[in-house]
Amino acid sequence: MIKLQAIILISSLILTLYSFIDCARRDDSLLNKLPKWGWLLLILLLSPFGAIAYLAIGRVRREKGPRPPKRRILPPDDDPDFLRKL
């Protein structure tokens, strides 16, 4: 019984810590319903329930689809636009 309680306590702490850090690092435009400070307070005050609420409804979901290609940074000697200007 004590092992089960320890597992529940540790998983609750991990979930709370993960959601708190995720919320703190996330941009304000990627949060739903509440401002960032509101979500952080909710996560801290209502430990596992606030974290679950944040993960369920607080974050903006990324749209599925192809990611835009990353722009490759070229050094000046390989960049054709730079070389044309010389």
C-alpha atoms as a PDB file:
ATOM      1  CA  MET A   1       0.000   0.000   0.000  1.00  0.00           C
ATOM      2  CA  ILE A   2       2.833   2.371   0.841  1.00  0.00           C
ATOM      3  CA  LYS A   3       4.508   1.627  -2.506  1.00  0.00           C
ATOM      4  CA  LEU A   4       1.313   2.544  -4.359  1.00  0.00           C
ATOM      5  CA  GLN A   5       1.026   5.833  -2.470  1.00  0.00           C
ATOM      6  CA  ALA A   6       4.670   6.616  -3.196  1.00  0.00           C
ATOM      7  CA  ILE A   7       4.169   5.926  -6.907  1.00  0.00           C
ATOM      8  CA  ILE A   8       1.085   8.153  -6.997  1.00  0.00           C
ATOM      9  CA  LEU A   9       2.896  10.947  -5.132  1.00  0.00           C
ATOM     10  CA  ILE A  10       5.966  10.821  -7.359  1.00  0.00           C
ATOM     11  CA  SER A  11       3.924  10.720 -10.570  1.00  0.00           C
ATOM     12  CA  SER A  12       1.853  13.667  -9.324  1.00  0.00           C
ATOM     13  CA  LEU A  13       5.008  15.677  -8.616  1.00  0.00           C
ATOM     14  CA  ILE A  14       6.491  14.821 -12.017  1.00  0.00           C
ATOM     15  CA  LEU A  15       3.272  15.802 -13.797  1.00  0.00           C
ATOM     16  CA  THR A  16       3.051  19.083 -11.889  1.00  0.00           C
ATOM     17  CA  LEU A  17       6.691  19.931 -12.515  1.00  0.00           C
ATOM     18  CA  TYR A  18       6.453  19.107 -16.230  1.00  0.00           C
ATOM     19  CA  SER A  19       3.311  21.173 -16.763  1.00  0.00           C
ATOM     20  CA  PHE A  20       4.691  24.106 -14.734  1.00  0.00           C
ATOM     21  CA  ILE A  21       7.915  24.231 -16.769  1.00  0.00           C
ATOM     22  CA  ASP A  22       6.020  23.775 -20.040  1.00  0.00           C
ATOM     23  CA  CYS A  23       3.669  26.636 -19.180  1.00  0.00           C
ATOM     24  CA  ALA A  24       6.483  28.906 -18.008  1.00  0.00           C
ATOM     25  CA  ARG A  25       8.449  28.415 -21.236  1.00  0.00           C
ATOM     26  CA  ARG A  26       5.461  28.662 -23.598  1.00  0.00           C
ATOM     27  CA  ASP A  27       4.643  31.910 -25.413  1.00  0.00           C
ATOM     28  CA  ASP A  28       1.481  33.726 -24.272  1.00  0.00           C
ATOM     29  CA  SER A  29      -0.072  33.406 -27.713  1.00  0.00           C
ATOM     30  CA  LEU A  30       0.015  29.601 -27.401  1.00  0.00           C
ATOM     31  CA  LEU A  31      -2.186  29.461 -24.278  1.00  0.00           C
ATOM     32  CA  ASN A  32      -5.970  29.074 -24.168  1.00  0.00           C
ATOM     33  CA  LYS A  33      -8.554  30.423 -21.714  1.00  0.00           C
ATOM     34  CA  LEU A  34      -6.218  32.027 -19.116  1.00  0.00           C
ATOM     35  CA  PRO A  35      -3.086  34.183 -19.166  1.00  0.00           C
ATOM     36  CA  LYS A  36       0.228  32.565 -18.319  1.00  0.00           C
ATOM     37  CA  TRP A  37       0.235  33.718 -14.700  1.00  0.00           C
ATOM     38  CA  GLY A  38      -3.256  32.251 -14.247  1.00  0.00           C
ATOM     39  CA  TRP A  39      -2.203  28.858 -15.517  1.00  0.00           C
ATOM     40  CA  LEU A  40       0.926  28.886 -13.354  1.00  0.00           C
ATOM     41  CA  LEU A  41      -1.123  29.643 -10.239  1.00  0.00           C
ATOM     42  CA  LEU A  42      -3.691  26.993 -11.142  1.00  0.00           C
ATOM     43  CA  ILE A  43      -0.968  24.391 -11.646  1.00  0.00           C
ATOM     44  CA  LEU A  44       0.657  25.207  -8.299  1.00  0.00           C
ATOM     45  CA  LEU A  45      -2.488  25.543  -6.197  1.00  0.00           C
ATOM     46  CA  LEU A  46      -4.402  22.568  -7.586  1.00  0.00           C
ATOM     47  CA  SER A  47      -1.359  20.373  -8.088  1.00  0.00           C
ATOM     48  CA  PRO A  48      -2.382  17.338 -10.135  1.00  0.00           C
ATOM     49  CA  PHE A  49      -5.782  18.663 -11.236  1.00  0.00           C
ATOM     50  CA  GLY A  50      -4.403  22.013 -12.389  1.00  0.00           C
ATOM     51  CA  ALA A  51      -1.659  20.254 -14.322  1.00  0.00           C
ATOM     52  CA  ILE A  52      -4.157  17.948 -16.020  1.00  0.00           C
ATOM     53  CA  ALA A  53      -6.424  20.895 -16.850  1.00  0.00           C
ATOM     54  CA  TYR A  54      -3.504  22.798 -18.344  1.00  0.00           C
ATOM     55  CA  LEU A  55      -2.413  19.841 -20.461  1.00  0.00           C
ATOM     56  CA  ALA A  56      -5.983  19.148 -21.609  1.00  0.00           C
ATOM     57  CA  ILE A  57      -7.327  22.643 -22.402  1.00  0.00           C
ATOM     58  CA  GLY A  58      -4.610  25.190 -21.705  1.00  0.00           C
ATOM     59  CA  ARG A  59      -2.290  24.572 -24.628  1.00  0.00           C
ATOM     60  CA  VAL A  60      -2.904  25.382 -28.267  1.00  0.00           C
ATOM     61  CA  ARG A  61      -2.647  22.219 -30.301  1.00  0.00           C
ATOM     62  CA  ARG A  62      -0.265  22.202 -33.220  1.00  0.00           C
ATOM     63  CA  GLU A  63      -1.895  21.645 -36.538  1.00  0.00           C
ATOM     64  CA  LYS A  64      -0.982  18.367 -38.114  1.00  0.00           C
ATOM     65  CA  GLY A  65       0.535  18.615 -41.512  1.00  0.00           C
ATOM     66  CA  PRO A  66       3.862  19.052 -43.180  1.00  0.00           C
ATOM     67  CA  ARG A  67       6.314  21.215 -41.330  1.00  0.00           C
ATOM     68  CA  PRO A  68       7.796  24.096 -43.257  1.00  0.00           C
ATOM     69  CA  PRO A  69      11.363  23.319 -44.273  1.00  0.00           C
ATOM     70  CA  LYS A  70      14.061  24.813 -42.120  1.00  0.00           C
ATOM     71  CA  ARG A  71      15.930  27.569 -43.812  1.00  0.00           C
ATOM     72  CA  ARG A  72      19.540  26.642 -44.209  1.00  0.00           C
ATOM     73  CA  ILE A  73      22.027  29.363 -43.338  1.00  0.00           C
ATOM     74  CA  LEU A  74      24.784  29.565 -45.905  1.00  0.00           C
ATOM     75  CA  PRO A  75      28.214  31.028 -45.291  1.00  0.00           C
ATOM     76  CA  PRO A  76      28.983  34.054 -47.471  1.00  0.00           C
ATOM     77  CA  ASP A  77      31.288  32.186 -49.833  1.00  0.00           C
ATOM     78  CA  ASP A  78      28.505  29.645 -50.650  1.00  0.00           C
ATOM     79  CA  ASP A  79      25.648  32.154 -50.890  1.00  0.00           C
ATOM     80  CA  PRO A  80      24.906  32.977 -54.545  1.00  0.00           C
ATOM     81  CA  ASP A  81      23.107  36.233 -53.667  1.00  0.00           C
ATOM     82  CA  PHE A  82      26.102  37.470 -51.714  1.00  0.00           C
ATOM     83  CA  LEU A  83      28.506  36.490 -54.465  1.00  0.00           C
ATOM     84  CA  ARG A  84      26.395  38.331 -57.097  1.00  0.00           C
ATOM     85  CA  LYS A  85      26.714  41.558 -55.099  1.00  0.00           C
ATOM     86  CA  LEU A  86      30.512  41.432 -55.175  1.00  0.00           C
END
